[in-house]
N, C-alpha and C. Protein backbone atom coordinates (compact mmCIF):
# COMPACT_ATOMS: atom_id res chain seq x y z
N MET A 1 16.88 -13.11 -26.55
CA MET A 1 17.06 -12.35 -25.33
C MET A 1 15.71 -11.77 -24.91
N ARG A 2 15.30 -12.06 -23.69
CA ARG A 2 14.02 -11.57 -23.20
C ARG A 2 14.14 -10.13 -22.71
N ALA A 3 13.11 -9.34 -22.98
CA ALA A 3 13.08 -7.94 -22.55
C ALA A 3 12.63 -7.86 -21.09
N PRO A 4 13.00 -6.77 -20.41
CA PRO A 4 12.51 -6.56 -19.04
C PRO A 4 10.98 -6.48 -19.03
N THR A 5 10.39 -6.92 -17.94
CA THR A 5 8.94 -6.81 -17.76
C THR A 5 8.66 -6.02 -16.49
N SER A 6 7.47 -5.43 -16.43
CA SER A 6 7.12 -4.64 -15.25
C SER A 6 5.65 -4.84 -14.90
N ASP A 7 5.33 -4.50 -13.66
CA ASP A 7 3.97 -4.56 -13.16
C ASP A 7 3.76 -3.36 -12.25
N LEU A 8 2.57 -2.80 -12.25
CA LEU A 8 2.29 -1.60 -11.47
C LEU A 8 1.08 -1.83 -10.58
N VAL A 9 1.23 -1.46 -9.31
CA VAL A 9 0.13 -1.52 -8.35
C VAL A 9 0.09 -0.20 -7.60
N ILE A 10 -1.09 0.38 -7.49
CA ILE A 10 -1.30 1.55 -6.63
C ILE A 10 -2.37 1.14 -5.64
N TYR A 11 -2.01 1.18 -4.36
CA TYR A 11 -2.93 0.72 -3.32
C TYR A 11 -2.66 1.45 -2.03
N ALA A 12 -3.72 1.90 -1.38
CA ALA A 12 -3.63 2.55 -0.06
C ALA A 12 -2.64 3.71 -0.06
N GLY A 13 -2.60 4.45 -1.16
CA GLY A 13 -1.74 5.62 -1.23
C GLY A 13 -0.29 5.33 -1.53
N VAL A 14 0.01 4.08 -1.94
CA VAL A 14 1.39 3.71 -2.24
C VAL A 14 1.48 3.21 -3.69
N PHE A 15 2.46 3.74 -4.43
CA PHE A 15 2.77 3.35 -5.80
C PHE A 15 3.91 2.35 -5.75
N VAL A 16 3.74 1.19 -6.38
CA VAL A 16 4.81 0.19 -6.45
C VAL A 16 4.89 -0.32 -7.89
N LYS A 17 6.02 -0.06 -8.54
CA LYS A 17 6.26 -0.60 -9.87
C LYS A 17 7.41 -1.58 -9.76
N THR A 18 7.12 -2.85 -10.08
CA THR A 18 8.15 -3.87 -10.02
C THR A 18 8.69 -4.16 -11.41
N TRP A 19 9.96 -4.53 -11.45
CA TRP A 19 10.65 -4.86 -12.69
C TRP A 19 11.33 -6.20 -12.55
N HIS A 20 11.29 -7.00 -13.61
CA HIS A 20 12.12 -8.19 -13.70
C HIS A 20 12.99 -8.01 -14.93
N VAL A 21 14.31 -8.01 -14.72
CA VAL A 21 15.27 -7.81 -15.81
C VAL A 21 16.07 -9.10 -15.93
N PRO A 22 15.81 -9.88 -16.98
CA PRO A 22 16.43 -11.21 -17.09
C PRO A 22 17.94 -11.23 -17.30
N HIS A 23 18.49 -10.17 -17.96
CA HIS A 23 19.87 -10.27 -18.41
C HIS A 23 20.79 -9.19 -17.82
N ALA A 24 21.99 -9.59 -17.45
CA ALA A 24 23.03 -8.64 -17.03
C ALA A 24 23.36 -7.72 -18.21
N GLY A 25 23.75 -6.49 -17.88
CA GLY A 25 24.13 -5.54 -18.91
C GLY A 25 22.97 -4.73 -19.47
N THR A 26 21.78 -4.93 -18.92
CA THR A 26 20.60 -4.18 -19.37
C THR A 26 20.58 -2.82 -18.67
N VAL A 27 20.32 -1.77 -19.44
CA VAL A 27 20.22 -0.42 -18.88
C VAL A 27 18.76 -0.08 -18.68
N ILE A 28 18.40 0.29 -17.46
CA ILE A 28 17.08 0.84 -17.17
C ILE A 28 17.22 2.32 -17.48
N GLU A 29 16.63 2.78 -18.56
CA GLU A 29 16.94 4.06 -19.16
C GLU A 29 16.85 5.27 -18.23
N ASN A 30 17.60 6.30 -18.60
CA ASN A 30 17.68 7.55 -17.86
C ASN A 30 16.30 8.21 -17.83
N HIS A 31 15.86 8.58 -16.63
CA HIS A 31 14.56 9.23 -16.48
C HIS A 31 14.55 10.07 -15.21
N VAL A 32 13.48 10.83 -15.03
CA VAL A 32 13.36 11.72 -13.87
C VAL A 32 11.91 11.72 -13.40
N HIS A 33 11.72 11.90 -12.09
CA HIS A 33 10.39 12.00 -11.50
C HIS A 33 10.31 13.31 -10.71
N THR A 34 9.11 13.78 -10.47
CA THR A 34 8.93 15.01 -9.69
C THR A 34 8.69 14.71 -8.21
N TRP A 35 8.98 13.48 -7.79
CA TRP A 35 8.80 13.08 -6.41
C TRP A 35 9.99 12.25 -5.93
N ASP A 36 10.25 12.31 -4.63
CA ASP A 36 11.24 11.44 -4.02
C ASP A 36 10.72 10.00 -4.06
N HIS A 37 11.62 9.05 -4.20
CA HIS A 37 11.21 7.65 -4.12
C HIS A 37 12.39 6.78 -3.73
N VAL A 38 12.08 5.54 -3.43
CA VAL A 38 13.13 4.55 -3.19
C VAL A 38 12.98 3.45 -4.23
N THR A 39 14.10 2.87 -4.59
CA THR A 39 14.10 1.67 -5.41
C THR A 39 14.66 0.55 -4.55
N LEU A 40 13.86 -0.48 -4.39
CA LEU A 40 14.26 -1.65 -3.63
C LEU A 40 14.85 -2.67 -4.60
N ILE A 41 16.09 -3.06 -4.37
CA ILE A 41 16.72 -4.12 -5.14
C ILE A 41 16.32 -5.42 -4.45
N MET A 42 15.45 -6.20 -5.11
CA MET A 42 14.93 -7.43 -4.49
C MET A 42 15.78 -8.65 -4.81
N SER A 43 16.44 -8.65 -5.99
CA SER A 43 17.39 -9.72 -6.31
C SER A 43 18.39 -9.19 -7.31
N GLY A 44 19.60 -9.71 -7.23
CA GLY A 44 20.65 -9.31 -8.15
C GLY A 44 21.45 -8.10 -7.69
N ILE A 45 22.24 -7.57 -8.64
CA ILE A 45 23.14 -6.45 -8.37
C ILE A 45 22.99 -5.44 -9.50
N VAL A 46 22.93 -4.14 -9.14
CA VAL A 46 22.85 -3.07 -10.14
C VAL A 46 23.87 -1.99 -9.83
N ARG A 47 24.26 -1.24 -10.85
CA ARG A 47 25.07 -0.03 -10.69
C ARG A 47 24.11 1.12 -10.93
N VAL A 48 24.14 2.13 -10.05
CA VAL A 48 23.18 3.22 -10.07
C VAL A 48 23.89 4.54 -10.37
N PHE A 49 23.26 5.33 -11.23
CA PHE A 49 23.75 6.66 -11.59
C PHE A 49 22.64 7.67 -11.30
N ILE A 50 22.94 8.68 -10.49
CA ILE A 50 21.97 9.72 -10.14
C ILE A 50 22.61 11.07 -10.41
N GLY A 51 21.90 11.91 -11.16
CA GLY A 51 22.43 13.23 -11.49
C GLY A 51 23.75 13.17 -12.22
N GLY A 52 23.93 12.12 -13.03
CA GLY A 52 25.16 11.96 -13.80
C GLY A 52 26.34 11.41 -13.02
N LYS A 53 26.12 11.09 -11.74
CA LYS A 53 27.22 10.59 -10.90
C LYS A 53 27.00 9.12 -10.54
N ASP A 54 28.07 8.36 -10.65
CA ASP A 54 28.04 6.95 -10.30
C ASP A 54 27.88 6.81 -8.78
N GLN A 55 26.81 6.16 -8.35
CA GLN A 55 26.54 5.97 -6.92
C GLN A 55 27.09 4.64 -6.41
N GLY A 56 27.63 3.84 -7.33
CA GLY A 56 28.20 2.55 -6.94
C GLY A 56 27.25 1.41 -7.20
N THR A 57 27.61 0.24 -6.65
CA THR A 57 26.80 -0.96 -6.85
C THR A 57 25.91 -1.21 -5.64
N PHE A 58 24.75 -1.75 -5.92
CA PHE A 58 23.78 -2.08 -4.88
C PHE A 58 23.36 -3.52 -5.09
N MET A 59 23.38 -4.29 -4.00
CA MET A 59 23.07 -5.72 -4.05
C MET A 59 21.85 -6.02 -3.17
N ALA A 60 20.99 -6.88 -3.67
CA ALA A 60 19.79 -7.26 -2.92
C ALA A 60 20.16 -7.91 -1.59
N PRO A 61 19.38 -7.65 -0.57
CA PRO A 61 18.29 -6.69 -0.49
C PRO A 61 18.82 -5.33 -0.03
N GLU A 62 18.65 -4.34 -0.85
CA GLU A 62 19.16 -3.00 -0.54
C GLU A 62 18.25 -1.97 -1.18
N THR A 63 18.19 -0.77 -0.60
CA THR A 63 17.38 0.30 -1.18
C THR A 63 18.26 1.45 -1.64
N VAL A 64 17.76 2.14 -2.66
CA VAL A 64 18.43 3.32 -3.21
C VAL A 64 17.47 4.48 -3.06
N LYS A 65 17.91 5.55 -2.39
CA LYS A 65 17.09 6.76 -2.25
C LYS A 65 17.35 7.67 -3.45
N ILE A 66 16.27 8.09 -4.12
CA ILE A 66 16.40 8.94 -5.30
C ILE A 66 15.54 10.18 -5.08
N ALA A 67 16.18 11.35 -5.04
CA ALA A 67 15.49 12.61 -4.80
C ALA A 67 14.70 13.04 -6.03
N ALA A 68 13.67 13.82 -5.78
CA ALA A 68 12.84 14.37 -6.86
C ALA A 68 13.70 15.19 -7.82
N ASN A 69 13.31 15.16 -9.09
CA ASN A 69 13.93 15.96 -10.15
C ASN A 69 15.39 15.62 -10.42
N LYS A 70 15.81 14.41 -10.08
CA LYS A 70 17.18 13.95 -10.37
C LYS A 70 17.13 12.89 -11.47
N GLN A 71 17.84 13.14 -12.57
CA GLN A 71 17.97 12.13 -13.61
C GLN A 71 18.64 10.90 -13.01
N HIS A 72 18.15 9.72 -13.35
CA HIS A 72 18.75 8.51 -12.82
C HIS A 72 18.55 7.34 -13.78
N TYR A 73 19.51 6.41 -13.73
CA TYR A 73 19.40 5.17 -14.48
C TYR A 73 20.21 4.10 -13.78
N MET A 74 19.96 2.87 -14.18
CA MET A 74 20.64 1.72 -13.57
C MET A 74 21.08 0.77 -14.66
N THR A 75 22.16 0.06 -14.38
CA THR A 75 22.63 -1.01 -15.25
C THR A 75 22.69 -2.28 -14.43
N THR A 76 22.10 -3.35 -14.94
CA THR A 76 22.13 -4.63 -14.22
C THR A 76 23.50 -5.27 -14.38
N LEU A 77 24.03 -5.78 -13.29
CA LEU A 77 25.34 -6.43 -13.31
C LEU A 77 25.23 -7.94 -13.22
N THR A 78 24.03 -8.43 -12.92
CA THR A 78 23.78 -9.87 -12.86
C THR A 78 22.50 -10.18 -13.63
N ASP A 79 22.33 -11.43 -13.98
CA ASP A 79 21.06 -11.89 -14.54
C ASP A 79 20.01 -11.91 -13.43
N ASP A 80 18.74 -11.92 -13.85
CA ASP A 80 17.60 -12.11 -12.96
C ASP A 80 17.49 -11.04 -11.87
N VAL A 81 17.61 -9.78 -12.28
CA VAL A 81 17.46 -8.66 -11.34
C VAL A 81 15.97 -8.35 -11.17
N ARG A 82 15.58 -8.12 -9.93
CA ARG A 82 14.20 -7.70 -9.63
C ARG A 82 14.28 -6.45 -8.78
N LEU A 83 13.50 -5.44 -9.21
CA LEU A 83 13.50 -4.12 -8.58
C LEU A 83 12.07 -3.72 -8.26
N ALA A 84 11.91 -2.81 -7.30
CA ALA A 84 10.60 -2.20 -7.04
C ALA A 84 10.81 -0.72 -6.76
N CYS A 85 10.18 0.13 -7.56
CA CYS A 85 10.19 1.58 -7.31
C CYS A 85 8.95 1.89 -6.48
N ILE A 86 9.16 2.59 -5.36
CA ILE A 86 8.10 2.78 -4.38
C ILE A 86 8.03 4.25 -3.97
N HIS A 87 6.81 4.80 -3.99
CA HIS A 87 6.62 6.16 -3.49
C HIS A 87 5.17 6.37 -3.07
N ALA A 88 4.95 7.40 -2.28
CA ALA A 88 3.59 7.77 -1.89
C ALA A 88 2.90 8.38 -3.10
N VAL A 89 1.59 8.17 -3.18
CA VAL A 89 0.80 8.74 -4.27
C VAL A 89 0.18 10.05 -3.77
N GLY A 90 0.52 11.15 -4.45
CA GLY A 90 -0.04 12.45 -4.10
C GLY A 90 -1.48 12.56 -4.55
N GLU A 91 -2.21 13.47 -3.96
CA GLU A 91 -3.62 13.63 -4.29
C GLU A 91 -3.84 14.03 -5.74
N THR A 92 -2.86 14.65 -6.38
CA THR A 92 -3.03 15.09 -7.77
C THR A 92 -2.64 14.02 -8.77
N GLU A 93 -2.03 12.93 -8.31
CA GLU A 93 -1.63 11.86 -9.23
C GLU A 93 -2.82 10.95 -9.51
N LYS A 94 -2.87 10.44 -10.74
CA LYS A 94 -3.95 9.55 -11.13
C LYS A 94 -3.41 8.16 -11.38
N GLU A 95 -4.27 7.16 -11.22
CA GLU A 95 -3.88 5.79 -11.57
C GLU A 95 -3.78 5.76 -13.06
């Protein structure tokens, strides 16, 4: 079973972290950020949980808005899921 892979690009004040998750049933672990961001579902289907509440399923191409300081995680419902977390880079953030 292949593990998820990711890539990170920061360019022109925009942070983009892409993920490729090969297998259905993979949990993108619970985490929190201090900034608002969107997650773009580029392929596949995921179930999203924000602040402990099930937000439902999201299918590509679709975006999920995630507010700052909210715990969130996702579970892939299909194989070959591709995601991109996108946010503006603040002046105090470093590459």
